[in-house]
Amino acid sequence: MIRSLSGTVVHSLDPDITLDVRGVGYGIFATGHTCASATTGEVLQLHIYMHVREQEISLYGFRSVSERTLFEHLISVSGIGPKAALGILNAADVSQISAAIINKDTSILTGVSGIGKKTAEKVIIELQGKVDAFSDADVAHATRDSSAVDALKSMGYSVGEARSALDGVDKDVVDVSERIKLALKSLGK
């Protein structure tokens, strides 16, 4: 089983990275953020999850062990495959997803293509107690942003657009309405 690869980035275009490890090019599925931050020629180490099916072996790469661990938890839930789990990790960072699971907030999960309310609730029920609790500040930030995402969704923005805009807002801004205003400015409204 492959658990880690370190090599030179040959190609990086969402959703995969080609990593040259001593002359062997590995195709690795990764989050959009990981793909975007990988530059050609850079030496990169990824924590790997190897998914084996009858007709295919796929590699999924993550920048941190906590990201890989959350991915493994997600795919342990019936109905969530590797592509859906990667989609969830594209929607938010590990602390936000974990906080959403702890707080039983389905908004991050239902914003991912192919995941409805019932599947999101199933993920939350099955992963209660399995995800790491983060600091109170991380949980408060994730809860605050969940409210802001809901508000931006009601204005017609997708969950991805809302989360991207909120990621650009300074973390020191704690007032939800102020975060929404600043996010709207970055969205051009």
C-alpha atoms as a PDB file:
ATOM      1  CA  MET A   1       0.000   0.000   0.000  1.00  0.00           C
ATOM      2  CA  ILE A   2       1.301   3.457  -0.927  1.00  0.00           C
ATOM      3  CA  ARG A   3       0.907   5.981   1.942  1.00  0.00           C
ATOM      4  CA  SER A   4       3.206   8.802   0.826  1.00  0.00           C
ATOM      5  CA  LEU A   5       4.931   9.991  -2.348  1.00  0.00           C
ATOM      6  CA  SER A   6       7.580  12.634  -2.766  1.00  0.00           C
ATOM      7  CA  GLY A   7       8.669  13.794  -6.186  1.00  0.00           C
ATOM      8  CA  THR A   8       8.740  16.515  -8.800  1.00  0.00           C
ATOM      9  CA  VAL A   9       5.505  17.966 -10.135  1.00  0.00           C
ATOM     10  CA  VAL A  10       5.362  17.298 -13.881  1.00  0.00           C
ATOM     11  CA  HIS A  11       1.801  18.451 -14.473  1.00  0.00           C
ATOM     12  CA  SER A  12      -0.951  19.910 -12.308  1.00  0.00           C
ATOM     13  CA  LEU A  13      -4.449  20.566 -13.568  1.00  0.00           C
ATOM     14  CA  ASP A  14      -7.507  20.124 -11.363  1.00  0.00           C
ATOM     15  CA  PRO A  15      -8.431  17.352 -10.472  1.00  0.00           C
ATOM     16  CA  ASP A  16      -5.048  15.648 -10.767  1.00  0.00           C
ATOM     17  CA  ILE A  17      -1.319  16.043 -10.385  1.00  0.00           C
ATOM     18  CA  THR A  18       1.368  14.046 -12.176  1.00  0.00           C
ATOM     19  CA  LEU A  19       4.248  13.468  -9.799  1.00  0.00           C
ATOM     20  CA  ASP A  20       7.593  12.108 -11.070  1.00  0.00           C
ATOM     21  CA  VAL A  21       9.086   9.860  -8.407  1.00  0.00           C
ATOM     22  CA  ARG A  22      12.501   8.640  -9.597  1.00  0.00           C
ATOM     23  CA  GLY A  23      11.428   8.307 -13.219  1.00  0.00           C
ATOM     24  CA  VAL A  24       7.917   6.944 -12.611  1.00  0.00           C
ATOM     25  CA  GLY A  25       5.025   9.346 -13.222  1.00  0.00           C
ATOM     26  CA  TYR A  26       2.153   8.849 -10.780  1.00  0.00           C
ATOM     27  CA  GLY A  27      -1.275  10.321 -11.573  1.00  0.00           C
ATOM     28  CA  ILE A  28      -2.765  11.498  -8.292  1.00  0.00           C
ATOM     29  CA  PHE A  29      -6.251  12.925  -7.740  1.00  0.00           C
ATOM     30  CA  ALA A  30      -6.177  15.928  -5.411  1.00  0.00           C
ATOM     31  CA  THR A  31      -8.312  18.830  -4.216  1.00  0.00           C
ATOM     32  CA  GLY A  32      -8.516  21.948  -6.348  1.00  0.00           C
ATOM     33  CA  HIS A  33      -6.515  23.842  -3.735  1.00  0.00           C
ATOM     34  CA  THR A  34      -3.698  21.274  -3.798  1.00  0.00           C
ATOM     35  CA  CYS A  35      -3.642  21.260  -7.615  1.00  0.00           C
ATOM     36  CA  ALA A  36      -3.646  25.057  -7.791  1.00  0.00           C
ATOM     37  CA  SER A  37      -0.782  25.384  -5.309  1.00  0.00           C
ATOM     38  CA  ALA A  38       1.430  22.769  -7.017  1.00  0.00           C
ATOM     39  CA  THR A  39       3.809  24.319  -9.536  1.00  0.00           C
ATOM     40  CA  THR A  40       5.618  22.467 -12.296  1.00  0.00           C
ATOM     41  CA  GLY A  41       9.175  21.567 -11.256  1.00  0.00           C
ATOM     42  CA  GLU A  42       8.433  21.852  -7.535  1.00  0.00           C
ATOM     43  CA  VAL A  43       9.342  18.968  -5.228  1.00  0.00           C
ATOM     44  CA  LEU A  44       6.145  17.954  -3.500  1.00  0.00           C
ATOM     45  CA  GLN A  45       5.275  15.421  -0.832  1.00  0.00           C
ATOM     46  CA  LEU A  46       1.724  14.114  -0.689  1.00  0.00           C
ATOM     47  CA  HIS A  47       0.054  11.796   1.803  1.00  0.00           C
ATOM     48  CA  ILE A  48      -1.602   9.121  -0.315  1.00  0.00           C
ATOM     49  CA  TYR A  49      -4.776   7.080  -0.130  1.00  0.00           C
ATOM     50  CA  MET A  50      -4.697   4.151  -2.567  1.00  0.00           C
ATOM     51  CA  HIS A  51      -8.170   3.133  -3.780  1.00  0.00           C
ATOM     52  CA  VAL A  52      -8.339  -0.342  -5.338  1.00  0.00           C
ATOM     53  CA  ARG A  53     -11.269  -1.588  -7.418  1.00  0.00           C
ATOM     54  CA  GLU A  54     -11.599  -4.542  -9.785  1.00  0.00           C
ATOM     55  CA  GLN A  55     -10.587  -2.621 -12.894  1.00  0.00           C
ATOM     56  CA  GLU A  56      -8.641   0.305 -11.460  1.00  0.00           C
ATOM     57  CA  ILE A  57      -6.144   1.506  -8.881  1.00  0.00           C
ATOM     58  CA  SER A  58      -6.442   5.216  -8.073  1.00  0.00           C
ATOM     59  CA  LEU A  59      -4.240   7.421  -5.934  1.00  0.00           C
ATOM     60  CA  TYR A  60      -5.587  10.383  -3.946  1.00  0.00           C
ATOM     61  CA  GLY A  61      -3.067  12.874  -2.555  1.00  0.00           C
ATOM     62  CA  PHE A  62      -3.299  15.281   0.371  1.00  0.00           C
ATOM     63  CA  ARG A  63      -1.024  17.950   1.818  1.00  0.00           C
ATOM     64  CA  SER A  64      -1.661  16.863   5.423  1.00  0.00           C
ATOM     65  CA  VAL A  65      -2.320  13.654   7.320  1.00  0.00           C
ATOM     66  CA  SER A  66      -5.454  15.211   8.861  1.00  0.00           C
ATOM     67  CA  GLU A  67      -6.870  15.839   5.373  1.00  0.00           C
ATOM     68  CA  ARG A  68      -6.190  12.214   4.367  1.00  0.00           C
ATOM     69  CA  THR A  69      -7.705  10.945   7.633  1.00  0.00           C
ATOM     70  CA  LEU A  70     -10.904  12.941   7.079  1.00  0.00           C
ATOM     71  CA  PHE A  71     -11.052  11.608   3.501  1.00  0.00           C
ATOM     72  CA  GLU A  72     -10.792   8.051   4.855  1.00  0.00           C
ATOM     73  CA  HIS A  73     -13.583   8.752   7.361  1.00  0.00           C
ATOM     74  CA  LEU A  74     -15.782  10.165   4.610  1.00  0.00           C
ATOM     75  CA  ILE A  75     -15.383   7.181   2.277  1.00  0.00           C
ATOM     76  CA  SER A  76     -16.182   4.809   5.155  1.00  0.00           C
ATOM     77  CA  VAL A  77     -19.765   6.114   4.975  1.00  0.00           C
ATOM     78  CA  SER A  78     -21.980   4.051   2.665  1.00  0.00           C
ATOM     79  CA  GLY A  79     -22.863   6.115  -0.406  1.00  0.00           C
ATOM     80  CA  ILE A  80     -19.758   8.314  -0.277  1.00  0.00           C
ATOM     81  CA  GLY A  81     -17.096   7.309  -2.775  1.00  0.00           C
ATOM     82  CA  PRO A  82     -13.647   8.806  -3.287  1.00  0.00           C
ATOM     83  CA  LYS A  83     -14.847  11.391  -5.841  1.00  0.00           C
ATOM     84  CA  ALA A  84     -17.640  12.611  -3.530  1.00  0.00           C
ATOM     85  CA  ALA A  85     -15.232  12.741  -0.566  1.00  0.00           C
ATOM     86  CA  LEU A  86     -12.801  14.790  -2.663  1.00  0.00           C
ATOM     87  CA  GLY A  87     -15.695  17.082  -3.584  1.00  0.00           C
ATOM     88  CA  ILE A  88     -16.428  17.614   0.114  1.00  0.00           C
ATOM     89  CA  LEU A  89     -12.773  18.461   0.775  1.00  0.00           C
ATOM     90  CA  ASN A  90     -12.950  20.925  -2.124  1.00  0.00           C
ATOM     91  CA  ALA A  91     -15.896  22.675  -0.466  1.00  0.00           C
ATOM     92  CA  ALA A  92     -14.139  23.551   2.813  1.00  0.00           C
ATOM     93  CA  ASP A  93     -11.037  22.894   4.876  1.00  0.00           C
ATOM     94  CA  VAL A  94     -10.668  20.072   7.412  1.00  0.00           C
ATOM     95  CA  SER A  95     -11.525  22.197  10.467  1.00  0.00           C
ATOM     96  CA  GLN A  96     -14.678  23.593   8.828  1.00  0.00           C
ATOM     97  CA  ILE A  97     -15.905  20.148   7.739  1.00  0.00           C
ATOM     98  CA  SER A  98     -15.138  18.682  11.158  1.00  0.00           C
ATOM     99  CA  ALA A  99     -16.904  21.553  12.911  1.00  0.00           C
ATOM    100  CA  ALA A 100     -19.904  21.098  10.609  1.00  0.00           C
ATOM    101  CA  ILE A 101     -20.068  17.401  11.502  1.00  0.00           C
ATOM    102  CA  ILE A 102     -19.728  18.133  15.226  1.00  0.00           C
ATOM    103  CA  ASN A 103     -22.419  20.868  15.003  1.00  0.00           C
ATOM    104  CA  LYS A 104     -24.666  18.711  12.766  1.00  0.00           C
ATOM    105  CA  ASP A 105     -24.605  21.367  10.035  1.00  0.00           C
ATOM    106  CA  THR A 106     -25.391  19.851   6.617  1.00  0.00           C
ATOM    107  CA  SER A 107     -24.781  23.017   4.537  1.00  0.00           C
ATOM    108  CA  ILE A 108     -21.183  22.176   3.529  1.00  0.00           C
ATOM    109  CA  LEU A 109     -22.084  18.633   2.545  1.00  0.00           C
ATOM    110  CA  THR A 110     -25.280  19.437   0.627  1.00  0.00           C
ATOM    111  CA  GLY A 111     -23.393  22.045  -1.377  1.00  0.00           C
ATOM    112  CA  VAL A 112     -21.390  19.256  -3.029  1.00  0.00           C
ATOM    113  CA  SER A 113     -22.715  17.877  -6.303  1.00  0.00           C
ATOM    114  CA  GLY A 114     -24.369  14.484  -5.817  1.00  0.00           C
ATOM    115  CA  ILE A 115     -24.875  14.789  -2.062  1.00  0.00           C
ATOM    116  CA  GLY A 116     -28.417  15.401  -0.928  1.00  0.00           C
ATOM    117  CA  LYS A 117     -29.812  16.154   2.509  1.00  0.00           C
ATOM    118  CA  LYS A 118     -30.312  12.472   3.462  1.00  0.00           C
ATOM    119  CA  THR A 119     -26.748  11.522   2.529  1.00  0.00           C
ATOM    120  CA  ALA A 120     -25.392  14.578   4.371  1.00  0.00           C
ATOM    121  CA  GLU A 121     -27.350  13.613   7.492  1.00  0.00           C
ATOM    122  CA  LYS A 122     -26.038  10.043   7.192  1.00  0.00           C
ATOM    123  CA  VAL A 123     -22.441  11.334   7.028  1.00  0.00           C
ATOM    124  CA  ILE A 124     -23.008  13.459  10.130  1.00  0.00           C
ATOM    125  CA  ILE A 125     -24.582  10.602  12.099  1.00  0.00           C
ATOM    126  CA  GLU A 126     -21.888   8.067  11.149  1.00  0.00           C
ATOM    127  CA  LEU A 127     -18.956  10.422  11.775  1.00  0.00           C
ATOM    128  CA  GLN A 128     -20.104  11.845  15.125  1.00  0.00           C
ATOM    129  CA  GLY A 129     -17.283  11.147  17.571  1.00  0.00           C
ATOM    130  CA  LYS A 130     -14.869  10.092  14.805  1.00  0.00           C
ATOM    131  CA  VAL A 131     -13.733  13.536  13.672  1.00  0.00           C
ATOM    132  CA  ASP A 132     -11.296  15.517  15.759  1.00  0.00           C
ATOM    133  CA  ALA A 133     -12.595  18.377  17.818  1.00  0.00           C
ATOM    134  CA  PHE A 134     -10.789  21.577  17.004  1.00  0.00           C
ATOM    135  CA  SER A 135     -10.289  24.633  19.148  1.00  0.00           C
ATOM    136  CA  ASP A 136     -13.300  26.696  20.178  1.00  0.00           C
ATOM    137  CA  ALA A 137     -12.074  29.447  17.829  1.00  0.00           C
ATOM    138  CA  ASP A 138     -12.100  27.067  14.836  1.00  0.00           C
ATOM    139  CA  VAL A 139     -15.595  25.832  15.695  1.00  0.00           C
ATOM    140  CA  ALA A 140     -16.871  29.392  16.198  1.00  0.00           C
ATOM    141  CA  HIS A 141     -15.334  30.467  12.862  1.00  0.00           C
ATOM    142  CA  ALA A 142     -16.893  27.497  11.020  1.00  0.00           C
ATOM    143  CA  THR A 143     -20.298  28.132  12.633  1.00  0.00           C
ATOM    144  CA  ARG A 144     -20.140  31.845  11.794  1.00  0.00           C
ATOM    145  CA  ASP A 145     -19.195  31.099   8.200  1.00  0.00           C
ATOM    146  CA  SER A 146     -21.987  28.540   7.953  1.00  0.00           C
ATOM    147  CA  SER A 147     -24.504  31.302   8.718  1.00  0.00           C
ATOM    148  CA  ALA A 148     -22.828  33.611   6.209  1.00  0.00           C
ATOM    149  CA  VAL A 149     -22.866  30.880   3.530  1.00  0.00           C
ATOM    150  CA  ASP A 150     -26.593  30.357   4.098  1.00  0.00           C
ATOM    151  CA  ALA A 151     -27.185  34.092   3.689  1.00  0.00           C
ATOM    152  CA  LEU A 152     -25.136  34.246   0.468  1.00  0.00           C
ATOM    153  CA  LYS A 153     -26.924  31.152  -0.878  1.00  0.00           C
ATOM    154  CA  SER A 154     -30.255  32.896  -0.322  1.00  0.00           C
ATOM    155  CA  MET A 155     -28.905  35.737  -2.508  1.00  0.00           C
ATOM    156  CA  GLY A 156     -28.315  33.308  -5.378  1.00  0.00           C
ATOM    157  CA  TYR A 157     -24.646  32.370  -4.925  1.00  0.00           C
ATOM    158  CA  SER A 158     -23.456  28.768  -4.936  1.00  0.00           C
ATOM    159  CA  VAL A 159     -21.892  27.269  -1.818  1.00  0.00           C
ATOM    160  CA  GLY A 160     -18.508  27.223  -3.564  1.00  0.00           C
ATOM    161  CA  GLU A 161     -18.716  30.903  -4.530  1.00  0.00           C
ATOM    162  CA  ALA A 162     -19.835  31.822  -1.004  1.00  0.00           C
ATOM    163  CA  ARG A 163     -17.046  29.862   0.688  1.00  0.00           C
ATOM    164  CA  SER A 164     -14.396  31.256  -1.680  1.00  0.00           C
ATOM    165  CA  ALA A 165     -15.553  34.818  -1.005  1.00  0.00           C
ATOM    166  CA  LEU A 166     -15.598  34.216   2.750  1.00  0.00           C
ATOM    167  CA  ASP A 167     -12.103  32.688   2.651  1.00  0.00           C
ATOM    168  CA  GLY A 168     -10.900  36.060   1.326  1.00  0.00           C
ATOM    169  CA  VAL A 169     -12.382  37.926   4.320  1.00  0.00           C
ATOM    170  CA  ASP A 170      -9.984  38.642   7.184  1.00  0.00           C
ATOM    171  CA  LYS A 171     -10.437  36.059   9.975  1.00  0.00           C
ATOM    172  CA  ASP A 172     -10.376  38.866  12.554  1.00  0.00           C
ATOM    173  CA  VAL A 173     -13.742  40.126  11.270  1.00  0.00           C
ATOM    174  CA  VAL A 174     -16.121  38.229  13.558  1.00  0.00           C
ATOM    175  CA  ASP A 175     -19.457  39.949  12.921  1.00  0.00           C
ATOM    176  CA  VAL A 176     -21.473  37.779  10.510  1.00  0.00           C
ATOM    177  CA  SER A 177     -23.152  40.719   8.755  1.00  0.00           C
ATOM    178  CA  GLU A 178     -19.778  42.419   8.246  1.00  0.00           C
ATOM    179  CA  ARG A 179     -18.312  39.176   6.846  1.00  0.00           C
ATOM    180  CA  ILE A 180     -21.254  38.990   4.424  1.00  0.00           C
ATOM    181  CA  LYS A 181     -20.739  42.618   3.320  1.00  0.00           C
ATOM    182  CA  LEU A 182     -17.028  42.049   2.674  1.00  0.00           C
ATOM    183  CA  ALA A 183     -17.752  38.785   0.840  1.00  0.00           C
ATOM    184  CA  LEU A 184     -20.292  40.588  -1.363  1.00  0.00           C
ATOM    185  CA  LYS A 185     -17.665  43.215  -2.226  1.00  0.00           C
ATOM    186  CA  SER A 186     -15.306  40.488  -3.440  1.00  0.00           C
ATOM    187  CA  LEU A 187     -18.148  38.934  -5.412  1.00  0.00           C
ATOM    188  CA  GLY A 188     -18.712  42.270  -7.135  1.00  0.00           C
ATOM    189  CA  LYS A 189     -22.048  43.230  -5.546  1.00  0.00           C
END
